[in-house]
Each structure stands twice: as C-alpha cells, then as structure tokens.
Amino acid sequence: MALRIYNSLTKTKEVFTPIIPGKVNMYVCGVTVYDRCHMGHARCAVVFDVIVKYLRHKGYDVTYVRNFTDIDDKIIKRANEEGENWQVIAERHIKGFHRDMDGLGVERATIEPRATDHIQDMINTIQKLIHKDHAYQADGDVFFAVNTFPGYGKLSGKKLEELEAGARVQVDTRKRNPLDFSLWKESKPGEPAWESPWGKGRPGWHIECSAMSSKYLGDTFDIHGGGQDLIFPHHENEIAQSEAATGKVLARYWIHNGFVYINKEKMSKSLGNIFTIQEALRIYHPEVIRLFLISHHYRGPLDFSDVIINETEAALERFYKTLKAIDDSLVGLKEELPLDRVELKGDEREIYEKLKELPVKFECAMDDDFNTALAIGHMFDAARALNRFMDLYPQKEDSIFLSILSYGKKQFGKLGHILGILVSEPAQYLEDQRARKLRLLNIDVSEIEAKIEERNLARREKDWARADKIRAELAKRGILLEDGPEKTTWRVV
C-alpha cells in the first residue's frame, strides 16, 4: 500500500510522491522561546517525531528542519518583565525545549535554525518582495500587500474579500489594507535591532520561516507541518510571501496536528489550564505521555484528563508485563528455531501467523495518513493473543514455544521504536513505574512491608478486625494486598 497523506492544502488524502525519489525534505514550525513548553508543543513534537521515524523506516532519507523563533514581541515583553536580556530568555527556553524533548524521547531535528542567525536571509527575501511590488515600506516598517497575491486564503479556505482585521491583525493606518502583515518592524528605543535598508529593526514573525525553509530545503520542498493553530495566519502568510518571492509552490503537502484540550477545554493562558511538559514528566513516565499523544489520530482533538492518561498508563503497563513474561521465559532459550522452516501446529501456527502479519497491518495503518491509533491497536491485539498463547501452551520450555516468544518480542521492538514506546527494559520499566507511583502516594516499600507484617501478626492472633482494618488503610492509600498460598504480595493500583 502506498503512503497517503491528508493534505491540508487540498483537503484530501493524496499518495505521497516526494520531489526527489527516496528523499524527503520536511519543515515544521518550532516554538517561540519565551516560556516553558506545554502539552500542545509536546503533541506537535511527538507527532512529527513519529512521522520522521516512519518515513525513515520506509527507507526515505529525511532532512527534517524545525526552527526556533528567538526574537519576537513575546520574548521582548518577557525580558522586560523579568529584567533580563532577551538573548538570555531565548537561550534558557531553547535549553528547556531540548530538555523537554529529550525527556519525551523526541529526536533532534536534522537542522534546528534560529531566526536571529538568518536576518540577512530575511532581508534578501523582503527585498525580492519589494522589487516585485508585493511589499511596500511605511516609515521604518515593511508590509506584505496581501491583495497582490491572488492565492491568498487557499490553505485556510478564507476568502480575501470576507476577511477583516482580526484578533492577530492590529489595524495600522499606514497599511494599504488592514490585512497586510509585517515583514520588517522598526525597533523601538531599547529593543533589539539589526541594520537593514529600511533602518534599524527586526523581522516580522512570518518571514522567518520562509527564509529559513528556503535556505535549507529550497524554494519548493515536500512537507510543511505544524499545529492547526498555525494554518491562519502564519502558514497562510508563509505561502503568500514565499510564493510571491519565488513564483514557485512552497510545499507540496501540508500536515497539521490537532489541538490538545484539558478536561474538554482548549488549553489557554486565559483559562489558566496550561499543563507543561515538565509537570507531566514529574507525574507520568515519558512513554505513557508519548502513547497518550499518539493514541488518537494526529489530526483530531486530544483531551488530556486524569482518567484518560491513567487508562493509557494501565494499558502500557499490561504490555510491559507481557514483555517481562517473555523475557522471563527466554532465559531458557538455547537455540532459536527458524519458524518459517519448522512444522507448526494448531495454536503455534495461529500465533506465528498473527505475529508475522503484525508489521503488515501496522504499515497499512501508518500508510493511511499516519494512523497511529489503528497501528497501536494492532500491536495490543497481537500482545493479547500472545498472552493467551503463553497461558495455554503446555510445555513452557519447548523450543518452538520459546522461539515464538522471541519472534514476537522482536516484532514489538521494531514497531515500538517507530512510535517511541516499548523502548525500555520491561523489568526496569515496571520497577520505575512502581517507584514513581509510590512517590506520588507518599509511601515507601518499608512502610508497606511493616504494615503487612503487622497484619500477618493480627491474622496469626485471629484478630480479623485489625487485619481487615490494615488492608483497608493500605487500599485507601492505593496499595492492594493479595493473599497467596505462601505469602501476601502487594501492588499499586
């Protein structure tokens, strides 16, 4: 099955055909570095991390460019509020971005350009636009003349004649049209400034990406991506200024990920419901967060709530318990058999065929516009089938049984790598999860074991009321006791 991508520009799924066979050039708009990264940033980063990994899995040589906007009104405002140099603010949050992404297992982009390193490239692009009468100077500012680009609105679907000055378009009497947007801004006293043909100033937000994408990927490249909030005006303006400057199509495929909601409300500073990546990582294992972020199709909305993330955590833990059971069994594997050349019967043949077809089903799902939700579903189906096989197989040290388990683990490992999950050692993951939960519950192992010993004493003395009270106390704190034939064990719920 050929890879098909939903193109935000054409509003249809299209077969992906790169400009250069075997090569993919992709640009994704990065963050403006004035604050900590939140779960919306995490979703965008993880979505495109998976897309890049999958493209490479399919054999493409991918050049992935993701920029930093390190000069902007928000950065200057934050610097003034905190009484620090704007460059210090930007550098701190670039480091914070990398720390967050490393925590989530997001690989660095091939190229991570900073806007301030490309001022001359932006000036050159603006000069082209002025020369072609697509831009004009007004005092020390330069504006793009929207009505000179007939294709304006083709990405967002907005019609030029219906557009009015909106929330992000500040009316300026020097503009020929209230929708014209800034390419170059005259700097105010005390603000960072660069020399230009129009006086000292700094670039507008939109021109940054046009200049940097062109520098590293050429005038036309394969994929441009970002969050849905960037469709208008940022990406619409990028298309206008880039295509007006070069006369060429900017990007052939546009990919946009959906919004993240917190308890069914869109994340917003005004609502005070911004959930940062660092806050999430303090509570949840990175793989739990990744699995949650890709558990729904990337284009749809994603609701972050305690209930949903806890369900995700429980599902991943079940998967890791399956992998640990495999690891425990494989201790007895002496020689792995070539399963395609040995006689398999009944359940052996059935589970082997299911595991063999897993990568095919996985790729069919991913080839349909990177449907991670369906791909993950296939992996969990295979894990459940493998669990049933392990429960029912009579000879646990049989070479065929162990070879099937080894084969299954390898299949999960390859596919998990693409999604960035199942990359931990199972025993270590389960131990880390238990320790993490105990920290959150503010209880440690020694306290639990002391309570169990106290309960054992009560049971020996046939003080059932006291024993039940201890069990109930631990249960209330999230610790479930399980009485076995030899001893009492416990687990965190």
Protein backbone atom coordinates (compact mmCIF):
# COMPACT_ATOMS: atom_id res chain seq x y z
CA MET A 1 0.00 0.00 0.00
CA ALA A 2 1.34 3.43 -0.93
CA LEU A 3 1.67 6.09 1.75
CA ARG A 4 -1.26 8.51 1.62
CA ILE A 5 -1.19 11.85 3.45
CA TYR A 6 -4.07 14.19 4.20
CA ASN A 7 -3.00 17.46 2.59
CA SER A 8 -4.40 20.46 4.46
CA LEU A 9 -3.98 22.47 1.26
CA THR A 10 -6.23 20.29 -0.93
CA LYS A 11 -8.37 18.90 1.93
CA THR A 12 -7.91 15.37 0.54
CA LYS A 13 -5.71 12.33 1.12
CA GLU A 14 -3.06 12.11 -1.56
CA VAL A 15 -0.50 9.47 -2.47
CA PHE A 16 2.83 10.74 -1.22
CA THR A 17 5.33 11.25 -4.02
CA PRO A 18 8.48 13.13 -2.98
CA ILE A 19 10.13 15.57 -5.35
CA ILE A 20 13.34 13.50 -5.35
CA PRO A 21 12.72 9.72 -5.22
CA GLY A 22 13.87 8.29 -1.90
CA LYS A 23 14.42 11.73 -0.36
CA VAL A 24 12.06 13.73 1.90
CA ASN A 25 12.57 17.37 2.82
CA MET A 26 10.32 18.49 5.69
CA TYR A 27 9.95 21.76 7.58
CA VAL A 28 7.96 22.05 10.81
CA CYS A 29 7.41 25.34 12.61
CA GLY A 30 9.07 25.26 16.00
CA VAL A 31 8.46 27.18 19.21
CA THR A 32 8.78 30.83 20.15
CA VAL A 33 11.19 30.60 23.06
CA TYR A 34 9.73 32.86 25.73
CA ASP A 35 8.14 30.32 28.10
CA ARG A 36 8.11 26.67 29.12
CA CYS A 37 6.74 24.12 26.66
CA HIS A 38 3.28 22.70 27.26
CA MET A 39 1.34 19.63 26.14
CA GLY A 40 0.33 21.30 22.88
CA HIS A 41 4.01 21.64 22.00
CA ALA A 42 4.53 18.04 23.11
CA ARG A 43 1.84 16.76 20.77
CA CYS A 44 3.27 18.54 17.75
CA ALA A 45 6.81 17.40 18.54
CA VAL A 46 5.86 13.76 19.15
CA VAL A 47 3.55 13.58 16.10
CA PHE A 48 6.28 14.77 13.73
CA ASP A 49 8.91 12.68 15.52
CA VAL A 50 6.82 9.60 14.72
CA ILE A 51 6.25 10.75 11.14
CA VAL A 52 10.01 11.19 10.62
CA LYS A 53 10.75 7.80 12.18
CA TYR A 54 8.15 6.12 9.98
CA LEU A 55 9.42 7.78 6.81
CA ARG A 56 12.92 6.58 7.65
CA HIS A 57 11.54 3.11 8.40
CA LYS A 58 10.15 3.10 4.86
CA GLY A 59 13.63 3.83 3.53
CA TYR A 60 13.45 7.57 2.91
CA ASP A 61 16.43 9.83 3.53
CA VAL A 62 14.74 12.56 5.60
CA THR A 63 16.05 16.07 6.16
CA TYR A 64 13.96 17.48 8.97
CA VAL A 65 14.15 21.20 9.73
CA ARG A 66 12.49 22.62 12.85
CA ASN A 67 13.21 26.24 13.74
CA PHE A 68 13.40 28.36 16.88
CA THR A 69 11.81 31.80 16.86
CA ASP A 70 14.29 33.53 19.16
CA ILE A 71 13.24 37.13 18.52
CA ASP A 72 9.63 38.17 18.92
CA ASP A 73 7.37 40.62 20.76
CA LYS A 74 6.65 37.97 23.41
CA ILE A 75 10.36 37.41 24.09
CA ILE A 76 10.98 41.15 24.41
CA LYS A 77 7.96 41.51 26.73
CA ARG A 78 9.14 38.62 28.91
CA ALA A 79 12.67 40.08 29.08
CA ASN A 80 11.28 43.43 30.23
CA GLU A 81 9.05 41.74 32.82
CA GLU A 82 11.91 39.71 34.25
CA GLY A 83 14.56 42.39 33.90
CA GLU A 84 16.81 40.13 31.81
CA ASN A 85 18.47 40.34 28.42
CA TRP A 86 16.21 38.97 25.67
CA GLN A 87 19.00 36.66 24.49
CA VAL A 88 19.26 35.13 27.97
CA ILE A 89 15.50 34.47 27.94
CA ALA A 90 15.68 32.85 24.50
CA GLU A 91 18.70 30.70 25.34
CA ARG A 92 17.12 29.48 28.59
CA HIS A 93 13.97 28.36 26.84
CA ILE A 94 15.83 26.72 23.95
CA LYS A 95 17.66 24.63 26.54
CA GLY A 96 14.34 23.98 28.25
CA PHE A 97 12.84 22.82 24.95
CA HIS A 98 15.68 20.36 24.40
CA ARG A 99 15.38 19.11 27.98
CA ASP A 100 11.65 18.52 27.50
CA MET A 101 12.11 16.81 24.14
CA ASP A 102 14.90 14.60 25.46
CA GLY A 103 12.58 13.66 28.31
CA LEU A 104 9.87 12.64 25.84
CA GLY A 105 12.29 10.70 23.64
CA VAL A 106 11.89 13.13 20.74
CA GLU A 107 14.94 13.07 18.49
CA ARG A 108 16.63 16.32 17.46
CA ALA A 109 15.72 17.63 14.03
CA THR A 110 18.37 17.36 11.32
CA ILE A 111 18.69 21.15 11.32
CA GLU A 112 17.43 23.47 14.08
CA PRO A 113 17.95 27.02 12.79
CA ARG A 114 17.44 30.11 14.91
CA ALA A 115 15.76 33.18 13.44
CA THR A 116 18.48 35.56 14.64
CA ASP A 117 21.10 33.64 12.67
CA HIS A 118 19.19 34.31 9.42
CA ILE A 119 18.41 38.03 9.49
CA GLN A 120 20.22 38.67 6.21
CA ASP A 121 18.31 35.85 4.52
CA MET A 122 15.07 37.51 5.63
CA ILE A 123 16.22 40.92 4.38
CA ASN A 124 17.06 39.38 1.00
CA THR A 125 13.59 37.82 0.74
CA ILE A 126 11.90 41.12 1.71
CA GLN A 127 13.92 42.97 -0.93
CA LYS A 128 12.68 40.49 -3.57
CA LEU A 129 9.10 41.12 -2.50
CA ILE A 130 9.52 44.91 -2.67
CA HIS A 131 11.16 44.60 -6.11
CA LYS A 132 8.17 42.54 -7.34
CA ASP A 133 5.66 45.04 -5.86
CA HIS A 134 4.37 42.51 -3.32
CA ALA A 135 5.63 44.58 -0.39
CA TYR A 136 5.97 48.24 0.49
CA GLN A 137 7.80 50.39 3.01
CA ALA A 138 5.94 52.57 5.51
CA ASP A 139 8.38 54.62 7.59
CA GLY A 140 10.79 52.06 9.09
CA ASP A 141 8.37 49.14 8.59
CA VAL A 142 7.76 46.91 5.59
CA PHE A 143 4.37 45.27 4.91
CA PHE A 144 3.30 42.49 2.56
CA ALA A 145 0.50 43.63 0.25
CA VAL A 146 -2.00 40.80 0.57
CA ASN A 147 -4.14 41.81 -2.41
CA THR A 148 -1.14 41.39 -4.77
CA PHE A 149 -1.18 37.62 -4.18
CA PRO A 150 -4.29 36.08 -5.81
CA GLY A 151 -3.89 32.76 -3.99
CA TYR A 152 -4.24 34.26 -0.51
CA GLY A 153 -6.57 32.10 1.57
CA LYS A 154 -6.03 28.84 -0.34
CA LEU A 155 -4.73 26.97 2.71
CA SER A 156 -7.24 28.22 5.30
CA GLY A 157 -10.16 28.42 2.90
CA LYS A 158 -10.73 32.06 3.86
CA LYS A 159 -11.78 34.47 1.12
CA LEU A 160 -9.85 37.71 0.92
CA GLU A 161 -12.96 39.83 0.41
CA GLU A 162 -14.53 38.37 3.57
CA LEU A 163 -11.53 38.81 5.81
CA GLU A 164 -11.40 41.72 8.21
CA ALA A 165 -8.78 42.81 10.68
CA GLY A 166 -8.89 40.06 13.29
CA ALA A 167 -7.52 39.40 16.70
CA ARG A 168 -3.96 38.89 15.44
CA VAL A 169 -4.07 41.71 12.87
CA GLN A 170 -3.54 45.08 14.51
CA VAL A 171 -5.03 47.91 12.45
CA ASP A 172 -2.34 50.34 11.31
CA THR A 173 -3.27 53.45 9.31
CA ARG A 174 -0.03 53.12 7.35
CA LYS A 175 -1.27 49.87 5.81
CA ARG A 176 -2.84 49.93 2.38
CA ASN A 177 -5.10 47.10 3.50
CA PRO A 178 -5.84 46.21 7.15
CA LEU A 179 -4.91 42.59 6.34
CA ASP A 180 -1.39 43.45 5.17
CA PHE A 181 1.14 41.94 7.54
CA SER A 182 4.58 42.91 8.81
CA LEU A 183 7.73 41.70 7.10
CA TRP A 184 10.05 44.09 8.92
CA LYS A 185 9.42 46.11 12.09
CA GLU A 186 11.14 49.32 13.07
CA SER A 187 12.63 48.78 16.52
CA LYS A 188 11.57 50.97 19.41
CA PRO A 189 14.19 52.51 21.72
CA GLY A 190 15.83 49.84 23.86
CA GLU A 191 14.62 46.95 21.68
CA PRO A 192 16.97 44.56 19.81
CA ALA A 193 17.68 45.82 16.29
CA TRP A 194 19.55 44.89 13.12
CA GLU A 195 20.66 47.14 10.29
CA SER A 196 18.54 46.97 7.14
CA PRO A 197 17.82 49.04 4.01
CA TRP A 198 14.79 50.41 5.91
CA GLY A 199 16.64 51.39 9.06
CA LYS A 200 17.24 49.55 12.30
CA GLY A 201 14.63 46.94 13.04
CA ARG A 202 13.80 43.27 13.32
CA PRO A 203 11.88 40.74 11.23
CA GLY A 204 8.19 40.01 11.43
CA TRP A 205 7.21 36.53 12.62
CA HIS A 206 6.06 35.07 9.30
CA ILE A 207 9.10 35.94 7.18
CA GLU A 208 11.40 33.89 9.44
CA CYS A 209 10.10 30.52 8.29
CA SER A 210 10.02 31.48 4.61
CA ALA A 211 13.67 32.49 4.71
CA MET A 212 14.88 29.51 6.73
CA SER A 213 12.91 26.84 4.84
CA SER A 214 14.16 28.21 1.53
CA LYS A 215 17.77 28.32 2.75
CA TYR A 216 17.87 24.70 3.88
CA LEU A 217 15.29 22.94 1.68
CA GLY A 218 14.99 25.08 -1.45
CA ASP A 219 12.10 27.10 -2.84
CA THR A 220 9.85 24.03 -3.02
CA PHE A 221 10.02 21.11 -0.62
CA ASP A 222 7.95 18.06 0.22
CA ILE A 223 6.22 18.55 3.59
CA HIS A 224 5.44 21.58 5.72
CA GLY A 225 3.94 20.93 9.14
CA GLY A 226 2.79 22.40 12.40
CA GLY A 227 -0.20 22.73 14.69
CA GLN A 228 -3.67 23.60 13.39
CA ASP A 229 -3.43 26.98 15.12
CA LEU A 230 -0.76 27.97 12.57
CA ILE A 231 -2.92 27.48 9.48
CA PHE A 232 -4.13 31.06 9.70
CA PRO A 233 -2.48 33.47 9.61
CA HIS A 234 1.05 32.08 9.93
CA HIS A 235 1.10 29.39 7.26
CA GLU A 236 -1.24 31.35 5.00
CA ASN A 237 1.19 34.26 5.19
CA GLU A 238 4.18 31.98 4.63
CA ILE A 239 2.64 30.70 1.42
CA ALA A 240 1.87 34.22 0.22
CA GLN A 241 5.30 35.72 0.83
CA SER A 242 7.29 32.65 -0.28
CA GLU A 243 5.36 32.01 -3.48
CA ALA A 244 5.21 35.72 -4.31
CA ALA A 245 9.01 35.92 -3.91
CA THR A 246 9.93 32.78 -5.86
CA GLY A 247 6.99 32.17 -8.19
CA LYS A 248 7.08 28.54 -7.06
CA VAL A 249 4.93 26.32 -4.85
CA LEU A 250 6.24 26.45 -1.26
CA ALA A 251 5.36 22.93 -0.11
CA ARG A 252 3.58 20.05 -1.80
CA TYR A 253 2.00 18.55 1.31
CA TRP A 254 0.78 20.39 4.41
CA ILE A 255 0.32 18.42 7.64
CA HIS A 256 -1.34 19.89 10.73
CA ASN A 257 -1.89 18.22 14.09
CA GLY A 258 -4.99 18.87 16.21
CA PHE A 259 -5.39 20.77 19.45
CA VAL A 260 -4.90 19.46 22.97
CA TYR A 261 -7.71 20.02 25.45
CA ILE A 262 -7.52 19.82 29.24
CA ASN A 263 -10.65 18.21 30.67
CA LYS A 264 -12.50 19.11 27.45
CA GLU A 265 -11.38 22.75 27.47
CA LYS A 266 -8.81 24.02 24.99
CA MET A 267 -5.52 24.90 26.70
CA SER A 268 -5.37 28.64 27.21
CA LYS A 269 -3.37 31.01 29.38
CA SER A 270 -6.56 32.99 29.99
CA LEU A 271 -8.23 29.88 31.41
CA GLY A 272 -5.14 29.05 33.44
CA ASN A 273 -5.15 25.41 32.29
CA ILE A 274 -1.72 25.26 30.65
CA PHE A 275 -0.14 21.89 31.53
CA THR A 276 3.62 22.00 30.94
CA ILE A 277 5.75 19.08 29.77
CA GLN A 278 7.83 19.28 32.93
CA GLU A 279 4.70 18.98 35.07
CA ALA A 280 3.59 15.96 33.06
CA LEU A 281 7.00 14.28 33.30
CA ARG A 282 7.01 14.68 37.07
CA ILE A 283 3.81 12.63 37.25
CA TYR A 284 3.96 10.21 34.30
CA HIS A 285 6.59 8.07 32.62
CA PRO A 286 7.69 9.57 29.25
CA GLU A 287 6.40 6.53 27.35
CA VAL A 288 2.97 6.95 28.93
CA ILE A 289 2.85 10.53 27.69
CA ARG A 290 4.00 9.50 24.20
CA LEU A 291 1.46 6.70 24.00
CA PHE A 292 -1.28 9.08 25.10
CA LEU A 293 -0.26 11.69 22.50
CA ILE A 294 -0.37 9.19 19.61
CA SER A 295 -3.35 7.15 20.83
CA HIS A 296 -5.70 9.26 18.70
CA HIS A 297 -5.30 10.29 15.08
CA TYR A 298 -2.97 13.26 14.86
CA ARG A 299 -5.50 15.47 13.03
CA GLY A 300 -8.22 15.14 15.66
CA PRO A 301 -8.57 16.86 19.03
CA LEU A 302 -6.99 15.21 22.07
CA ASP A 303 -8.43 15.57 25.56
CA PHE A 304 -5.97 15.34 28.44
CA SER A 305 -7.59 14.19 31.68
CA ASP A 306 -6.54 12.14 34.68
CA VAL A 307 -8.93 9.35 33.70
CA ILE A 308 -7.65 9.03 30.13
CA ILE A 309 -3.95 9.27 31.00
CA ASN A 310 -4.38 6.71 33.79
CA GLU A 311 -6.07 4.34 31.33
CA THR A 312 -3.12 4.84 28.98
CA GLU A 313 -0.70 4.12 31.81
CA ALA A 314 -2.53 0.91 32.71
CA ALA A 315 -2.58 -0.25 29.08
CA LEU A 316 1.15 0.32 28.65
CA GLU A 317 1.86 -1.46 31.93
CA ARG A 318 -0.08 -4.52 30.70
CA PHE A 319 2.03 -4.53 27.56
CA TYR A 320 5.24 -4.33 29.55
CA LYS A 321 4.08 -7.18 31.79
CA THR A 322 3.67 -9.25 28.64
CA LEU A 323 7.21 -8.36 27.55
CA LYS A 324 8.57 -9.18 31.01
CA ALA A 325 6.83 -12.57 30.92
CA ILE A 326 8.54 -13.18 27.57
CA ASP A 327 11.91 -12.12 28.98
CA ASP A 328 11.47 -14.42 31.97
CA SER A 329 10.67 -17.35 29.67
CA LEU A 330 13.50 -16.64 27.23
CA VAL A 331 16.06 -17.37 29.94
CA GLY A 332 15.54 -21.00 28.95
CA LEU A 333 16.02 -20.45 25.19
CA LYS A 334 19.07 -22.34 24.00
CA GLU A 335 18.66 -22.08 20.22
CA GLU A 336 16.09 -20.05 18.30
CA LEU A 337 14.36 -22.10 15.61
CA PRO A 338 13.65 -20.75 12.10
CA LEU A 339 9.84 -20.72 12.45
CA ASP A 340 9.25 -20.50 8.71
CA ARG A 341 11.04 -23.84 8.28
CA VAL A 342 9.68 -25.91 11.17
CA GLU A 343 6.35 -27.69 11.47
CA LEU A 344 3.91 -25.61 13.50
CA LYS A 345 0.59 -26.99 14.67
CA GLY A 346 -2.66 -25.51 15.89
CA ASP A 347 -2.09 -22.60 18.29
CA GLU A 348 1.59 -22.42 17.27
CA ARG A 349 0.70 -21.79 13.64
CA GLU A 350 -2.08 -19.36 14.57
CA ILE A 351 0.04 -17.12 16.81
CA TYR A 352 3.01 -17.22 14.45
CA GLU A 353 0.85 -16.07 11.54
CA LYS A 354 -0.64 -13.32 13.68
CA LEU A 355 2.80 -12.09 14.69
CA LYS A 356 4.08 -12.34 11.12
CA GLU A 357 1.23 -10.23 9.76
CA LEU A 358 1.58 -7.60 12.52
CA PRO A 359 4.13 -5.43 10.63
CA VAL A 360 1.92 -5.60 7.52
CA LYS A 361 -1.14 -4.40 9.45
CA PHE A 362 0.97 -1.79 11.21
CA GLU A 363 2.26 -0.38 7.92
CA CYS A 364 -1.21 -0.40 6.34
CA ALA A 365 -2.43 1.72 9.26
CA MET A 366 0.53 4.09 9.11
CA ASP A 367 0.33 4.34 5.33
CA ASP A 368 -3.22 5.66 5.76
CA ASP A 369 -2.23 9.17 6.85
CA PHE A 370 -0.08 8.00 9.79
CA ASN A 371 -2.96 6.35 11.67
CA THR A 372 -1.06 5.64 14.90
CA ALA A 373 -4.26 4.81 16.79
CA LEU A 374 -5.00 1.87 14.49
CA ALA A 375 -1.34 0.81 14.40
CA ILE A 376 -1.22 0.71 18.20
CA GLY A 377 -4.48 -1.23 18.25
CA HIS A 378 -2.90 -3.93 16.07
CA MET A 379 0.05 -4.16 18.47
CA PHE A 380 -2.20 -4.56 21.51
CA ASP A 381 -4.28 -7.20 19.70
CA ALA A 382 -1.13 -9.19 18.98
CA ALA A 383 0.04 -8.82 22.60
CA ARG A 384 -3.29 -10.12 23.91
CA ALA A 385 -3.12 -13.10 21.55
CA LEU A 386 0.44 -13.82 22.66
CA ASN A 387 -0.65 -13.67 26.31
CA ARG A 388 -3.38 -16.23 25.65
CA PHE A 389 -0.86 -18.42 23.87
CA MET A 390 1.55 -18.25 26.83
CA ASP A 391 -1.26 -19.09 29.28
CA LEU A 392 -2.43 -22.13 27.31
CA TYR A 393 0.80 -23.58 25.95
CA PRO A 394 1.52 -26.82 27.87
CA GLN A 395 5.32 -27.05 27.55
CA LYS A 396 6.90 -23.80 28.71
CA GLU A 397 10.47 -24.91 27.89
CA ASP A 398 9.69 -26.19 24.42
CA SER A 399 11.98 -24.74 21.72
CA ILE A 400 9.11 -23.84 19.42
CA PHE A 401 7.27 -22.03 22.24
CA LEU A 402 10.36 -20.04 23.17
CA SER A 403 11.22 -19.27 19.54
CA ILE A 404 7.72 -17.86 19.02
CA LEU A 405 8.11 -15.65 22.08
CA SER A 406 11.47 -14.39 20.83
CA TYR A 407 9.99 -13.69 17.40
CA GLY A 408 7.11 -11.77 18.98
CA LYS A 409 9.43 -9.65 21.11
CA LYS A 410 11.47 -8.67 18.03
CA GLN A 411 8.31 -7.66 16.15
CA PHE A 412 7.16 -5.47 19.03
CA GLY A 413 10.63 -3.96 19.35
CA LYS A 414 10.82 -2.87 15.70
CA LEU A 415 7.37 -1.29 15.69
CA GLY A 416 7.72 0.21 19.15
CA HIS A 417 10.88 2.01 18.03
CA ILE A 418 8.90 3.81 15.30
CA LEU A 419 6.34 5.02 17.85
CA GLY A 420 8.90 5.69 20.58
CA ILE A 421 7.27 3.25 23.01
CA LEU A 422 8.32 -0.15 24.38
CA VAL A 423 11.92 1.04 24.28
CA SER A 424 12.65 0.43 27.98
CA GLU A 425 13.77 -2.83 29.55
CA PRO A 426 10.49 -4.39 30.79
CA ALA A 427 11.69 -5.20 34.32
CA GLN A 428 13.21 -1.73 34.71
CA TYR A 429 10.09 -0.02 33.35
CA LEU A 430 7.82 -1.87 35.77
CA GLU A 431 10.15 -1.12 38.68
CA ASP A 432 10.36 2.55 37.70
CA GLN A 433 6.59 2.73 37.46
CA ARG A 434 6.14 1.21 40.89
CA ALA A 435 8.67 3.63 42.41
CA ARG A 436 7.02 6.57 40.64
CA LYS A 437 3.59 5.63 41.95
CA LEU A 438 4.88 5.16 45.48
CA ARG A 439 6.44 8.64 45.39
CA LEU A 440 3.14 10.13 44.27
CA LEU A 441 1.30 8.23 47.02
CA ASN A 442 3.92 9.36 49.57
CA ILE A 443 4.51 5.84 50.81
CA ASP A 444 7.62 3.65 50.65
CA VAL A 445 8.25 -0.09 50.46
CA SER A 446 9.46 -0.42 54.05
CA GLU A 447 6.24 1.12 55.35
CA ILE A 448 4.13 -1.26 53.26
CA GLU A 449 6.13 -4.29 54.39
CA ALA A 450 5.83 -3.21 58.01
CA LYS A 451 2.06 -2.96 57.62
CA ILE A 452 1.94 -6.42 56.02
CA GLU A 453 3.94 -7.87 58.92
CA GLU A 454 1.61 -6.15 61.37
CA ARG A 455 -1.35 -7.65 59.53
CA ASN A 456 0.26 -11.11 59.48
CA LEU A 457 0.64 -10.90 63.26
CA ALA A 458 -3.01 -9.91 63.61
CA ARG A 459 -4.04 -12.86 61.44
CA ARG A 460 -1.93 -15.26 63.48
CA GLU A 461 -3.67 -13.95 66.58
CA LYS A 462 -7.02 -14.31 64.73
CA ASP A 463 -7.68 -10.59 65.16
CA TRP A 464 -9.57 -10.39 61.87
CA ALA A 465 -10.97 -6.92 62.51
CA ARG A 466 -7.47 -5.48 62.89
CA ALA A 467 -6.23 -7.38 59.85
CA ASP A 468 -9.13 -6.06 57.76
CA LYS A 469 -8.53 -2.54 59.03
CA ILE A 470 -4.86 -2.65 57.90
CA ARG A 471 -5.89 -3.95 54.46
CA ALA A 472 -8.47 -1.15 54.17
CA GLU A 473 -5.97 1.52 55.27
CA LEU A 474 -3.48 0.43 52.61
CA ALA A 475 -6.19 0.19 49.96
CA LYS A 476 -7.24 3.75 50.76
CA ARG A 477 -3.65 4.82 50.08
CA GLY A 478 -3.55 2.97 46.75
CA ILE A 479 -1.89 -0.29 47.86
CA LEU A 480 -3.78 -3.52 47.16
CA LEU A 481 -2.85 -6.62 49.17
CA GLU A 482 -3.16 -10.05 47.54
CA ASP A 483 -3.06 -13.11 49.81
CA GLY A 484 -1.37 -16.13 48.21
CA PRO A 485 -0.78 -19.70 49.43
CA GLU A 486 2.75 -18.85 50.59
CA LYS A 487 2.73 -15.13 51.36
CA THR A 488 0.92 -11.82 50.93
CA THR A 489 2.03 -9.69 48.00
CA TRP A 490 1.07 -6.13 47.10
CA ARG A 491 0.70 -3.88 44.11
CA VAL A 492 -0.01 -0.24 43.45
CA VAL A 493 -3.44 0.46 41.97
